[in-house]
Amino acid sequence: MKYDVLQIVGAALMVVFAQGAIRILVDHDNSGFLGWVPGGFPAQLLAHLALVAIGVLVGGHAHARAKALGRRERG
């Protein structure tokens, strides 16, 4: 169960912050969730991309652990 929750959290992080990264690439003035990050556009973009990477890593790790425990199909 905990790996299912971690996989959902990882996917949510990836989706939300990937969308935010695309949004600030298109419209630099719309900083969204991470508007409070000091350093302007470059720092906000890097923060979004770092959180996307964290989401991918968390989701991938959770999926691999669930697969190792036999909770996912091997393939």
N, C-alpha and C. Protein backbone atom coordinates (compact mmCIF):
# COMPACT_ATOMS: atom_id res chain seq x y z
N MET A 1 0.82 -1.20 0.00
CA MET A 1 0.00 0.00 0.00
C MET A 1 0.87 1.26 0.00
N LYS A 2 1.97 1.25 0.76
CA LYS A 2 2.77 2.47 0.82
C LYS A 2 3.44 2.76 -0.52
N TYR A 3 3.76 1.71 -1.29
CA TYR A 3 4.36 1.95 -2.59
C TYR A 3 3.35 2.50 -3.58
N ASP A 4 2.08 2.11 -3.42
CA ASP A 4 1.03 2.70 -4.25
C ASP A 4 0.90 4.19 -3.97
N VAL A 5 0.91 4.55 -2.70
CA VAL A 5 0.81 5.95 -2.31
C VAL A 5 2.03 6.74 -2.81
N LEU A 6 3.22 6.16 -2.65
CA LEU A 6 4.42 6.84 -3.13
C LEU A 6 4.41 7.01 -4.64
N GLN A 7 3.87 6.04 -5.36
CA GLN A 7 3.79 6.14 -6.81
C GLN A 7 2.82 7.26 -7.21
N ILE A 8 1.73 7.38 -6.49
CA ILE A 8 0.77 8.45 -6.76
C ILE A 8 1.38 9.81 -6.46
N VAL A 9 2.09 9.92 -5.34
CA VAL A 9 2.74 11.18 -4.97
C VAL A 9 3.78 11.56 -6.01
N GLY A 10 4.58 10.59 -6.45
CA GLY A 10 5.59 10.86 -7.47
C GLY A 10 4.97 11.32 -8.78
N ALA A 11 3.89 10.68 -9.20
CA ALA A 11 3.22 11.07 -10.43
C ALA A 11 2.61 12.47 -10.30
N ALA A 12 2.02 12.75 -9.14
CA ALA A 12 1.43 14.07 -8.93
C ALA A 12 2.50 15.17 -8.96
N LEU A 13 3.64 14.93 -8.30
CA LEU A 13 4.73 15.90 -8.33
C LEU A 13 5.18 16.15 -9.77
N MET A 14 5.36 15.07 -10.51
CA MET A 14 5.84 15.18 -11.87
C MET A 14 4.85 15.98 -12.74
N VAL A 15 3.58 15.65 -12.64
CA VAL A 15 2.59 16.31 -13.48
C VAL A 15 2.44 17.79 -13.13
N VAL A 16 2.29 18.09 -11.85
CA VAL A 16 2.04 19.47 -11.43
C VAL A 16 3.23 20.37 -11.77
N PHE A 17 4.44 19.91 -11.48
CA PHE A 17 5.58 20.78 -11.69
C PHE A 17 6.07 20.78 -13.14
N ALA A 18 5.79 19.72 -13.91
CA ALA A 18 6.07 19.77 -15.35
C ALA A 18 5.16 20.79 -16.01
N GLN A 19 3.89 20.79 -15.60
CA GLN A 19 2.95 21.79 -16.13
C GLN A 19 3.39 23.19 -15.75
N GLY A 20 3.88 23.36 -14.52
CA GLY A 20 4.36 24.66 -14.09
C GLY A 20 5.59 25.11 -14.86
N ALA A 21 6.49 24.18 -15.15
CA ALA A 21 7.69 24.51 -15.93
C ALA A 21 7.31 24.96 -17.33
N ILE A 22 6.37 24.25 -17.95
CA ILE A 22 5.92 24.63 -19.29
C ILE A 22 5.25 26.00 -19.24
N ARG A 23 4.45 26.23 -18.21
CA ARG A 23 3.74 27.51 -18.09
C ARG A 23 4.71 28.67 -17.97
N ILE A 24 5.76 28.54 -17.14
CA ILE A 24 6.67 29.68 -17.00
C ILE A 24 7.60 29.82 -18.20
N LEU A 25 7.79 28.75 -18.97
CA LEU A 25 8.54 28.89 -20.22
C LEU A 25 7.76 29.70 -21.24
N VAL A 26 6.44 29.50 -21.26
CA VAL A 26 5.59 30.22 -22.21
C VAL A 26 5.32 31.65 -21.74
N ASP A 27 5.07 31.82 -20.45
CA ASP A 27 4.74 33.14 -19.90
C ASP A 27 5.60 33.37 -18.66
N HIS A 28 6.70 34.09 -18.82
CA HIS A 28 7.67 34.29 -17.74
C HIS A 28 7.08 35.01 -16.53
N ASP A 29 6.04 35.78 -16.72
CA ASP A 29 5.46 36.54 -15.61
C ASP A 29 4.52 35.71 -14.74
N ASN A 30 4.09 34.56 -15.22
CA ASN A 30 3.15 33.71 -14.48
C ASN A 30 3.97 32.64 -13.75
N SER A 31 4.41 32.93 -12.53
CA SER A 31 5.34 32.04 -11.83
C SER A 31 4.65 30.92 -11.05
N GLY A 32 3.36 30.98 -10.81
CA GLY A 32 2.62 29.88 -10.21
C GLY A 32 3.02 29.56 -8.78
N PHE A 33 3.09 28.25 -8.45
CA PHE A 33 3.38 27.77 -7.10
C PHE A 33 4.69 28.29 -6.54
N LEU A 34 5.68 28.39 -7.38
CA LEU A 34 7.02 28.73 -6.91
C LEU A 34 7.37 30.19 -7.15
N GLY A 35 6.40 31.04 -7.12
CA GLY A 35 6.63 32.47 -7.31
C GLY A 35 7.44 33.09 -6.18
N TRP A 36 7.48 32.45 -5.04
CA TRP A 36 8.21 32.98 -3.89
C TRP A 36 9.70 32.68 -3.95
N VAL A 37 10.12 31.82 -4.88
CA VAL A 37 11.54 31.45 -4.96
C VAL A 37 12.35 32.66 -5.43
N PRO A 38 13.36 33.06 -4.64
CA PRO A 38 14.18 34.20 -5.06
C PRO A 38 15.08 33.81 -6.23
N GLY A 39 15.42 34.77 -7.04
CA GLY A 39 16.31 34.51 -8.17
C GLY A 39 15.63 34.65 -9.50
N GLY A 40 14.34 34.91 -9.49
CA GLY A 40 13.62 35.15 -10.73
C GLY A 40 13.39 33.90 -11.56
N PHE A 41 13.25 34.13 -12.86
CA PHE A 41 12.89 33.07 -13.80
C PHE A 41 13.83 31.87 -13.78
N PRO A 42 15.16 32.07 -13.85
CA PRO A 42 16.03 30.88 -13.89
C PRO A 42 15.91 30.00 -12.64
N ALA A 43 15.84 30.61 -11.48
CA ALA A 43 15.73 29.84 -10.24
C ALA A 43 14.39 29.12 -10.17
N GLN A 44 13.32 29.78 -10.60
CA GLN A 44 12.01 29.14 -10.57
C GLN A 44 11.94 27.98 -11.56
N LEU A 45 12.53 28.15 -12.74
CA LEU A 45 12.55 27.06 -13.71
C LEU A 45 13.35 25.88 -13.19
N LEU A 46 14.51 26.14 -12.60
CA LEU A 46 15.32 25.06 -12.04
C LEU A 46 14.60 24.36 -10.89
N ALA A 47 13.88 25.11 -10.08
CA ALA A 47 13.12 24.50 -8.98
C ALA A 47 12.02 23.59 -9.53
N HIS A 48 11.31 24.06 -10.56
CA HIS A 48 10.28 23.23 -11.18
C HIS A 48 10.90 21.94 -11.74
N LEU A 49 12.00 22.07 -12.45
CA LEU A 49 12.63 20.91 -13.06
C LEU A 49 13.18 19.95 -12.00
N ALA A 50 13.70 20.49 -10.90
CA ALA A 50 14.19 19.63 -9.82
C ALA A 50 13.03 18.85 -9.19
N LEU A 51 11.90 19.50 -9.01
CA LEU A 51 10.74 18.81 -8.44
C LEU A 51 10.16 17.78 -9.40
N VAL A 52 10.23 18.04 -10.70
CA VAL A 52 9.83 17.03 -11.69
C VAL A 52 10.73 15.81 -11.56
N ALA A 53 12.05 16.05 -11.46
CA ALA A 53 13.00 14.95 -11.34
C ALA A 53 12.76 14.15 -10.05
N ILE A 54 12.46 14.84 -8.96
CA ILE A 54 12.16 14.15 -7.70
C ILE A 54 10.91 13.29 -7.85
N GLY A 55 9.90 13.83 -8.52
CA GLY A 55 8.68 13.06 -8.77
C GLY A 55 8.94 11.80 -9.59
N VAL A 56 9.78 11.93 -10.62
CA VAL A 56 10.13 10.77 -11.44
C VAL A 56 10.88 9.73 -10.61
N LEU A 57 11.83 10.18 -9.81
CA LEU A 57 12.60 9.26 -8.99
C LEU A 57 11.74 8.56 -7.94
N VAL A 58 10.87 9.29 -7.27
CA VAL A 58 10.00 8.71 -6.24
C VAL A 58 9.05 7.69 -6.87
N GLY A 59 8.41 8.08 -7.98
CA GLY A 59 7.48 7.17 -8.65
C GLY A 59 8.18 5.94 -9.20
N GLY A 60 9.34 6.12 -9.79
CA GLY A 60 10.09 4.99 -10.33
C GLY A 60 10.57 4.04 -9.25
N HIS A 61 11.05 4.60 -8.16
CA HIS A 61 11.50 3.77 -7.04
C HIS A 61 10.34 2.97 -6.45
N ALA A 62 9.21 3.63 -6.26
CA ALA A 62 8.04 2.95 -5.70
C ALA A 62 7.56 1.84 -6.63
N HIS A 63 7.57 2.09 -7.93
CA HIS A 63 7.15 1.08 -8.88
C HIS A 63 8.11 -0.12 -8.86
N ALA A 64 9.40 0.16 -8.82
CA ALA A 64 10.40 -0.92 -8.80
C ALA A 64 10.28 -1.75 -7.53
N ARG A 65 10.07 -1.11 -6.39
CA ARG A 65 9.93 -1.85 -5.12
C ARG A 65 8.66 -2.70 -5.13
N ALA A 66 7.56 -2.14 -5.66
CA ALA A 66 6.31 -2.91 -5.73
C ALA A 66 6.49 -4.10 -6.68
N LYS A 67 7.20 -3.89 -7.77
CA LYS A 67 7.44 -4.97 -8.71
C LYS A 67 8.29 -6.07 -8.07
N ALA A 68 9.31 -5.68 -7.31
CA ALA A 68 10.18 -6.64 -6.63
C ALA A 68 9.41 -7.47 -5.60
N LEU A 69 8.39 -6.87 -5.02
CA LEU A 69 7.57 -7.59 -4.04
C LEU A 69 6.46 -8.41 -4.70
N GLY A 70 6.39 -8.36 -6.03
CA GLY A 70 5.38 -9.13 -6.75
C GLY A 70 4.04 -8.45 -6.85
N ARG A 71 3.98 -7.17 -6.60
CA ARG A 71 2.71 -6.44 -6.65
C ARG A 71 2.44 -5.84 -8.02
N ARG A 72 3.41 -5.90 -8.90
CA ARG A 72 3.25 -5.42 -10.27
C ARG A 72 3.64 -6.57 -11.21
N GLU A 73 3.06 -6.53 -12.41
CA GLU A 73 3.42 -7.55 -13.40
C GLU A 73 4.84 -7.31 -13.88
N ARG A 74 5.52 -8.36 -14.09
CA ARG A 74 6.87 -8.23 -14.66
C ARG A 74 6.73 -8.09 -16.17
N GLY A 75 7.56 -7.22 -16.70
CA GLY A 75 7.43 -7.05 -18.14
C GLY A 75 8.44 -6.15 -18.71
